Every structure is written in C-alpha cells, then in structure tokens.
C-alpha atoms as a PDB file:
ATOM      1  CA  MET A   1    -257.621 108.731 -29.371  1.00  0.00           C
ATOM      2  CA  ARG A   2    -255.140 110.407 -31.659  1.00  0.00           C
ATOM      3  CA  MET A   3    -252.895 111.269 -28.716  1.00  0.00           C
ATOM      4  CA  THR A   4    -252.598 107.651 -27.485  1.00  0.00           C
ATOM      5  CA  THR A   5    -251.664 106.413 -30.963  1.00  0.00           C
ATOM      6  CA  TRP A   6    -248.931 109.016 -31.112  1.00  0.00           C
ATOM      7  CA  LYS A   7    -247.602 107.916 -27.657  1.00  0.00           C
ATOM      8  CA  TRP A   8    -247.506 104.263 -28.718  1.00  0.00           C
ATOM      9  CA  GLY A   9    -245.631 105.262 -31.865  1.00  0.00           C
ATOM     10  CA  VAL A  10    -242.956 107.063 -29.818  1.00  0.00           C
ATOM     11  CA  VAL A  11    -242.609 104.094 -27.440  1.00  0.00           C
ATOM     12  CA  GLY A  12    -242.299 101.719 -30.415  1.00  0.00           C
ATOM     13  CA  LEU A  13    -239.594 103.846 -32.054  1.00  0.00           C
ATOM     14  CA  GLY A  14    -237.723 104.031 -28.762  1.00  0.00           C
ATOM     15  CA  LEU A  15    -237.764 100.245 -28.382  1.00  0.00           C
ATOM     16  CA  LEU A  16    -236.661  99.800 -31.974  1.00  0.00           C
ATOM     17  CA  GLY A  17    -233.729 102.148 -31.359  1.00  0.00           C
ATOM     18  CA  VAL A  18    -232.667 100.198 -28.245  1.00  0.00           C
ATOM     19  CA  LEU A  19    -232.861  96.886 -30.091  1.00  0.00           C
ATOM     20  CA  LEU A  20    -230.858  98.154 -33.050  1.00  0.00           C
ATOM     21  CA  SER A  21    -228.158  99.595 -30.807  1.00  0.00           C
ATOM     22  CA  ALA A  22    -227.822  96.254 -29.031  1.00  0.00           C
ATOM     23  CA  CYS A  23    -227.231  94.477 -32.345  1.00  0.00           C
ATOM     24  CA  GLY A  24    -224.079  96.460 -33.002  1.00  0.00           C
ATOM     25  CA  ASP A  25    -220.521  95.251 -32.469  1.00  0.00           C
ATOM     26  CA  GLU A  26    -220.507  92.094 -30.368  1.00  0.00           C
ATOM     27  CA  GLY A  27    -216.819  92.170 -29.477  1.00  0.00           C
ATOM     28  CA  SER A  28    -215.779  90.903 -26.067  1.00  0.00           C
ATOM     29  CA  SER A  29    -215.604  93.522 -23.379  1.00  0.00           C
ATOM     30  CA  GLY A  30    -212.819  91.804 -21.392  1.00  0.00           C
ATOM     31  CA  PRO A  31    -209.210  90.926 -22.213  1.00  0.00           C
ATOM     32  CA  THR A  32    -208.381  87.988 -24.439  1.00  0.00           C
ATOM     33  CA  THR A  33    -206.573  84.923 -23.154  1.00  0.00           C
ATOM     34  CA  GLU A  34    -203.279  86.115 -24.656  1.00  0.00           C
ATOM     35  CA  GLU A  35    -203.575  89.533 -22.997  1.00  0.00           C
ATOM     36  CA  PHE A  36    -204.419  87.918 -19.645  1.00  0.00           C
ATOM     37  CA  SER A  37    -201.401  85.558 -19.883  1.00  0.00           C
ATOM     38  CA  LYS A  38    -199.066  88.477 -20.672  1.00  0.00           C
ATOM     39  CA  GLU A  39    -200.391  90.520 -17.736  1.00  0.00           C
ATOM     40  CA  ARG A  40    -200.003  87.567 -15.368  1.00  0.00           C
ATOM     41  CA  GLU A  41    -196.407  86.910 -16.457  1.00  0.00           C
ATOM     42  CA  ALA A  42    -195.581  90.598 -16.013  1.00  0.00           C
ATOM     43  CA  LEU A  43    -197.076  90.569 -12.508  1.00  0.00           C
ATOM     44  CA  GLN A  44    -195.127  87.424 -11.556  1.00  0.00           C
ATOM     45  CA  ALA A  45    -191.895  89.009 -12.803  1.00  0.00           C
ATOM     46  CA  LYS A  46    -192.607  92.151 -10.789  1.00  0.00           C
ATOM     47  CA  ILE A  47    -193.183  90.101  -7.618  1.00  0.00           C
ATOM     48  CA  ALA A  48    -189.980  88.111  -8.208  1.00  0.00           C
ATOM     49  CA  GLU A  49    -187.957  91.358  -8.601  1.00  0.00           C
ATOM     50  CA  SER A  50    -189.319  92.863  -5.396  1.00  0.00           C
ATOM     51  CA  GLY A  51    -188.010  89.902  -3.387  1.00  0.00           C
ATOM     52  CA  PRO A  52    -189.445  88.178  -0.316  1.00  0.00           C
ATOM     53  CA  ALA A  53    -188.759  91.139   2.031  1.00  0.00           C
ATOM     54  CA  LYS A  54    -191.129  93.433   0.168  1.00  0.00           C
ATOM     55  CA  SER A  55    -193.822  90.836  -0.316  1.00  0.00           C
ATOM     56  CA  ARG A  56    -196.721  91.343   2.056  1.00  0.00           C
ATOM     57  CA  ARG A  57    -198.226  87.951   1.435  1.00  0.00           C
ATOM     58  CA  LYS A  58    -197.648  85.187   3.922  1.00  0.00           C
ATOM     59  CA  ALA A  59    -196.118  81.917   2.843  1.00  0.00           C
ATOM     60  CA  PRO A  60    -198.761  79.349   1.947  1.00  0.00           C
ATOM     61  CA  VAL A  61    -199.606  76.937   4.739  1.00  0.00           C
ATOM     62  CA  LYS A  62    -198.882  73.316   3.928  1.00  0.00           C
ATOM     63  CA  ALA A  63    -201.566  70.758   4.628  1.00  0.00           C
ATOM     64  CA  ALA A  64    -200.998  68.434   7.558  1.00  0.00           C
ATOM     65  CA  PRO A  65    -199.951  64.945   6.514  1.00  0.00           C
ATOM     66  CA  ALA A  66    -202.596  62.259   6.546  1.00  0.00           C
ATOM     67  CA  ARG A  67    -202.863  59.729   9.363  1.00  0.00           C
ATOM     68  CA  GLY A  68    -199.802  57.549   9.612  1.00  0.00           C
ATOM     69  CA  GLY A  69    -197.491  60.203   8.176  1.00  0.00           C
ATOM     70  CA  LYS A  70    -198.590  59.647   4.600  1.00  0.00           C
ATOM     71  CA  SER A  71    -199.539  62.664   2.578  1.00  0.00           C
ATOM     72  CA  GLY A  72    -202.231  62.837  -0.055  1.00  0.00           C
ATOM     73  CA  SER A  73    -201.556  62.202  -3.727  1.00  0.00           C
ATOM     74  CA  GLY A  74    -202.094  65.852  -4.618  1.00  0.00           C
ATOM     75  CA  THR A  75    -205.868  65.586  -4.762  1.00  0.00           C
ATOM     76  CA  GLY A  76    -206.502  67.067  -1.329  1.00  0.00           C
ATOM     77  CA  PHE A  77    -207.627  63.742   0.091  1.00  0.00           C
ATOM     78  CA  GLY A  78    -205.675  61.490   2.428  1.00  0.00           C
ATOM     79  CA  GLU A  79    -204.148  58.381   0.998  1.00  0.00           C
ATOM     80  CA  MET A  80    -205.808  55.120   2.020  1.00  0.00           C
ATOM     81  CA  ASP A  81    -203.757  52.356   3.556  1.00  0.00           C
ATOM     82  CA  ARG A  82    -203.642  49.594   0.944  1.00  0.00           C
ATOM     83  CA  ASN A  83    -203.085  46.896   3.564  1.00  0.00           C
ATOM     84  CA  PHE A  84    -206.424  47.490   5.346  1.00  0.00           C
ATOM     85  CA  SER A  85    -208.804  44.529   5.551  1.00  0.00           C
ATOM     86  CA  TYR A  86    -212.162  44.398   7.335  1.00  0.00           C
ATOM     87  CA  ASP A  87    -212.495  41.764  10.044  1.00  0.00           C
ATOM     88  CA  PRO A  88    -216.165  41.008  10.831  1.00  0.00           C
ATOM     89  CA  ALA A  89    -215.283  38.700  13.754  1.00  0.00           C
ATOM     90  CA  GLY A  90    -217.305  39.659  16.829  1.00  0.00           C
ATOM     91  CA  LYS A  91    -219.377  42.243  14.960  1.00  0.00           C
ATOM     92  CA  ARG A  92    -223.046  42.039  14.113  1.00  0.00           C
ATOM     93  CA  ASP A  93    -224.004  41.753  10.430  1.00  0.00           C
ATOM     94  CA  PRO A  94    -225.644  45.117   9.644  1.00  0.00           C
ATOM     95  CA  PHE A  95    -227.735  43.625   6.863  1.00  0.00           C
ATOM     96  CA  ARG A  96    -229.386  40.967   8.998  1.00  0.00           C
ATOM     97  CA  ASP A  97    -232.271  41.504  11.405  1.00  0.00           C
ATOM     98  CA  PHE A  98    -231.112  41.263  15.024  1.00  0.00           C
ATOM     99  CA  LYS A  99    -234.039  38.992  15.884  1.00  0.00           C
ATOM    100  CA  TRP A 100    -232.507  36.154  13.864  1.00  0.00           C
ATOM    101  CA  GLU A 101    -229.295  36.253  15.869  1.00  0.00           C
ATOM    102  CA  ARG A 102    -231.135  35.552  19.132  1.00  0.00           C
ATOM    103  CA  PRO A 103    -232.662  32.061  19.055  1.00  0.00           C
ATOM    104  CA  ASP A 104    -234.053  32.533  22.578  1.00  0.00           C
ATOM    105  CA  ARG A 105    -236.121  35.496  21.294  1.00  0.00           C
ATOM    106  CA  LEU A 106    -237.332  33.428  18.330  1.00  0.00           C
ATOM    107  CA  GLN A 107    -238.642  30.771  20.675  1.00  0.00           C
ATOM    108  CA  LEU A 108    -240.547  33.350  22.733  1.00  0.00           C
ATOM    109  CA  SER A 109    -241.960  35.044  19.648  1.00  0.00           C
ATOM    110  CA  ALA A 110    -243.964  32.004  18.546  1.00  0.00           C
ATOM    111  CA  ILE A 111    -247.615  33.089  18.640  1.00  0.00           C
ATOM    112  CA  THR A 112    -249.580  30.765  20.893  1.00  0.00           C
ATOM    113  CA  SER A 113    -252.789  32.729  21.513  1.00  0.00           C
ATOM    114  CA  PRO A 114    -254.961  35.046  19.428  1.00  0.00           C
ATOM    115  CA  LEU A 115    -254.269  37.945  21.827  1.00  0.00           C
ATOM    116  CA  GLU A 116    -250.584  37.861  20.824  1.00  0.00           C
ATOM    117  CA  GLN A 117    -251.448  38.875  17.262  1.00  0.00           C
ATOM    118  CA  TYR A 118    -252.356  42.439  18.308  1.00  0.00           C
ATOM    119  CA  ASP A 119    -250.544  45.274  20.027  1.00  0.00           C
ATOM    120  CA  VAL A 120    -251.689  45.981  23.582  1.00  0.00           C
ATOM    121  CA  GLY A 121    -253.016  49.368  22.424  1.00  0.00           C
ATOM    122  CA  GLN A 122    -255.395  47.619  20.011  1.00  0.00           C
ATOM    123  CA  LEU A 123    -256.995  45.540  22.756  1.00  0.00           C
ATOM    124  CA  THR A 124    -259.832  46.853  24.936  1.00  0.00           C
ATOM    125  CA  LEU A 125    -260.422  46.099  28.601  1.00  0.00           C
ATOM    126  CA  VAL A 126    -264.147  45.377  28.943  1.00  0.00           C
ATOM    127  CA  ALA A 127    -264.605  44.024  32.488  1.00  0.00           C
ATOM    128  CA  VAL A 128    -262.649  43.051  35.604  1.00  0.00           C
ATOM    129  CA  VAL A 129    -263.468  40.609  38.426  1.00  0.00           C
ATOM    130  CA  TRP A 130    -260.837  41.320  41.059  1.00  0.00           C
ATOM    131  CA  LYS A 131    -262.213  40.785  44.586  1.00  0.00           C
ATOM    132  CA  THR A 132    -261.962  37.009  44.285  1.00  0.00           C
ATOM    133  CA  GLY A 133    -258.784  35.121  45.101  1.00  0.00           C
ATOM    134  CA  ASN A 134    -258.092  34.705  41.389  1.00  0.00           C
ATOM    135  CA  ALA A 135    -258.548  38.037  39.546  1.00  0.00           C
ATOM    136  CA  ARG A 136    -259.764  37.854  35.945  1.00  0.00           C
ATOM    137  CA  ALA A 137    -260.242  40.382  33.131  1.00  0.00           C
ATOM    138  CA  LEU A 138    -262.344  40.338  29.971  1.00  0.00           C
ATOM    139  CA  ILE A 139    -260.342  41.586  26.950  1.00  0.00           C
ATOM    140  CA  GLN A 140    -261.795  42.333  23.515  1.00  0.00           C
ATOM    141  CA  ASP A 141    -259.738  42.314  20.300  1.00  0.00           C
ATOM    142  CA  PRO A 142    -260.386  44.628  17.321  1.00  0.00           C
ATOM    143  CA  SER A 143    -262.533  42.013  15.563  1.00  0.00           C
ATOM    144  CA  GLY A 144    -264.947  41.920  18.529  1.00  0.00           C
ATOM    145  CA  GLU A 145    -263.884  38.561  20.015  1.00  0.00           C
ATOM    146  CA  SER A 146    -263.694  38.468  23.824  1.00  0.00           C
ATOM    147  CA  TYR A 147    -261.186  36.565  25.956  1.00  0.00           C
ATOM    148  CA  ILE A 148    -260.869  35.957  29.694  1.00  0.00           C
ATOM    149  CA  ILE A 149    -257.331  36.366  31.026  1.00  0.00           C
ATOM    150  CA  GLY A 150    -255.641  36.092  34.409  1.00  0.00           C
ATOM    151  CA  GLU A 151    -252.346  37.262  35.892  1.00  0.00           C
ATOM    152  CA  GLY A 152    -249.393  35.717  34.055  1.00  0.00           C
ATOM    153  CA  ALA A 153    -251.244  35.462  30.708  1.00  0.00           C
ATOM    154  CA  ARG A 154    -249.380  36.430  27.544  1.00  0.00           C
ATOM    155  CA  LEU A 155    -250.754  39.471  25.780  1.00  0.00           C
ATOM    156  CA  GLY A 156    -249.601  41.607  22.834  1.00  0.00           C
ATOM    157  CA  LYS A 157    -246.941  41.326  20.142  1.00  0.00           C
ATOM    158  CA  ASN A 158    -244.021  42.308  22.381  1.00  0.00           C
ATOM    159  CA  ALA A 159    -244.073  39.239  24.648  1.00  0.00           C
ATOM    160  CA  GLY A 160    -246.274  41.003  27.181  1.00  0.00           C
ATOM    161  CA  LEU A 161    -247.195  39.312  30.455  1.00  0.00           C
ATOM    162  CA  VAL A 162    -250.154  40.352  32.590  1.00  0.00           C
ATOM    163  CA  LYS A 163    -248.530  41.530  35.807  1.00  0.00           C
ATOM    164  CA  LEU A 164    -251.441  42.934  37.803  1.00  0.00           C
ATOM    165  CA  ILE A 165    -255.246  43.003  37.672  1.00  0.00           C
ATOM    166  CA  ARG A 166    -257.062  45.564  39.837  1.00  0.00           C
ATOM    167  CA  ASP A 167    -260.353  47.483  39.773  1.00  0.00           C
ATOM    168  CA  GLY A 168    -260.658  48.768  36.184  1.00  0.00           C
ATOM    169  CA  LEU A 169    -256.924  48.271  35.527  1.00  0.00           C
ATOM    170  CA  VAL A 170    -254.700  45.638  33.936  1.00  0.00           C
ATOM    171  CA  VAL A 171    -250.917  46.153  33.930  1.00  0.00           C
ATOM    172  CA  VAL A 172    -249.004  44.391  31.157  1.00  0.00           C
ATOM    173  CA  THR A 173    -245.179  44.193  31.156  1.00  0.00           C
ATOM    174  CA  GLU A 174    -243.869  44.224  27.591  1.00  0.00           C
ATOM    175  CA  THR A 175    -240.293  43.451  26.566  1.00  0.00           C
ATOM    176  CA  TYR A 176    -238.722  45.454  23.756  1.00  0.00           C
ATOM    177  CA  VAL A 177    -235.434  44.662  22.029  1.00  0.00           C
ATOM    178  CA  ASP A 178    -233.489  47.591  20.564  1.00  0.00           C
ATOM    179  CA  TYR A 179    -231.176  47.496  17.549  1.00  0.00           C
ATOM    180  CA  LEU A 180    -228.216  46.510  19.755  1.00  0.00           C
ATOM    181  CA  GLY A 181    -230.091  43.472  21.033  1.00  0.00           C
ATOM    182  CA  GLU A 182    -230.627  44.832  24.550  1.00  0.00           C
ATOM    183  CA  GLU A 183    -233.949  44.090  26.222  1.00  0.00           C
ATOM    184  CA  THR A 184    -236.043  46.791  27.886  1.00  0.00           C
ATOM    185  CA  ALA A 185    -239.139  46.089  30.001  1.00  0.00           C
ATOM    186  CA  LYS A 186    -242.023  48.570  29.967  1.00  0.00           C
ATOM    187  CA  ASP A 187    -245.270  48.499  31.947  1.00  0.00           C
ATOM    188  CA  VAL A 188    -248.371  49.310  29.884  1.00  0.00           C
ATOM    189  CA  GLU A 189    -251.636  50.095  31.661  1.00  0.00           C
ATOM    190  CA  MET A 190    -254.945  49.055  30.169  1.00  0.00           C
ATOM    191  CA  ARG A 191    -257.841  50.954  31.735  1.00  0.00           C
ATOM    192  CA  MET A 192    -261.543  50.222  31.470  1.00  0.00           C
ATOM    193  CA  ARG A 193    -263.523  52.931  29.723  1.00  0.00           C
ATOM    194  CA  ARG A 194    -266.259  54.432  31.856  1.00  0.00           C
ATOM    195  CA  ASN A 195    -269.730  55.054  30.455  1.00  0.00           C
ATOM    196  CA  GLU A 196    -270.666  58.701  30.017  1.00  0.00           C
ATOM    197  CA  GLY A 197    -273.648  58.358  32.377  1.00  0.00           C
ATOM    198  CA  GLU A 198    -271.534  57.244  35.370  1.00  0.00           C
END
C-alpha cells in the first residue's frame, strides 16, 4: 500500500514538472514577418545576380487564352462574352412537364375505365376463356373488384392495350414516354397464378 502511494507521488511530481516547463517562455519558434521579408528580398537579389543562364528553373507557362481569344481578368477564369443571349426558340422548357406539351398524349391519358387507375403489375389475372371465337379474361383489381376484358381493351396507367389472350396468359402493350417525348412500346405479360395443389 505504501509503495503504490509513493509511485503515484513520483508520477504526480513528474507531471507537475512537465506542466511547469511548458509554461515557460512562449516566444515564437519561427522567423518574424520582417525577418522573412528580408530573407526573401536577399534570395531574389541573389537570383537576379546569377542571371537567366544559371537559373535552373523553367520559365512559367502562360495560360491559354479563353475561347474567342479573350484572356481572363486575372482571376484564373475565362471571361464571359457580354453579348450572349439565350434563345429558347425550338427548345423544350425544362421546368414544364413534357406531358403538357403533347396534347395528343393528354387526350389518351383521360381515364375511362376503373382498370386504367392501376398499374398492370397491381392487377391480377384470375381466369381465362380462350377456346371460343372471342377470348375473354377475368381481371381483379387491388380492391377485389373483378372485370371481364377482351382483346383491344384498355388496361393500366400507361395506355396499355390488351394485345393477346391465351391459356393462362394476357399480353398487354404499354406505351411509355421518356423525358425527350419519345414513345416506347413494351409488352407486359400477365400470367394466371396456379394453385399449389395442381
């Protein structure tokens, strides 16, 4: 017990000595601004006396002039042409939805049946009658309502048309419009789920 107290006393005195030595003279360890300026001037004079033949440094590379032959204003950036004006003629407004610029798409997007309120992936194919001359399919929406559709019926939010009805399969062709306004057709297959016992 006595030995550990003695060790802690030595450690405490050692820390006190380190702290007191750190509180000594707080002068700066580097040169002052005046000394640095004098050394720099002396170095510049020495380089000037030695001449360009003895200098090992390469000449500084000048920056290439900005487009149009104009150089920057000393800031490192190219100077902007003051006569530039933006002409939006023939360009799409980036702040307006592309759907509003296509009135033909607006006319098609009017919802006329309840099945056009849902995506095709949300609808379920329940049954198919296809061996008759007029194939039909029973489609169920997420709320549980059932609808009978035939080929050519509109289905889904993306102006989908039922293209083909076969045994346990309904093929829907959907039309997508990208941000450039170009239309892309994609076939989506709806398959009937089989019972686990079959």
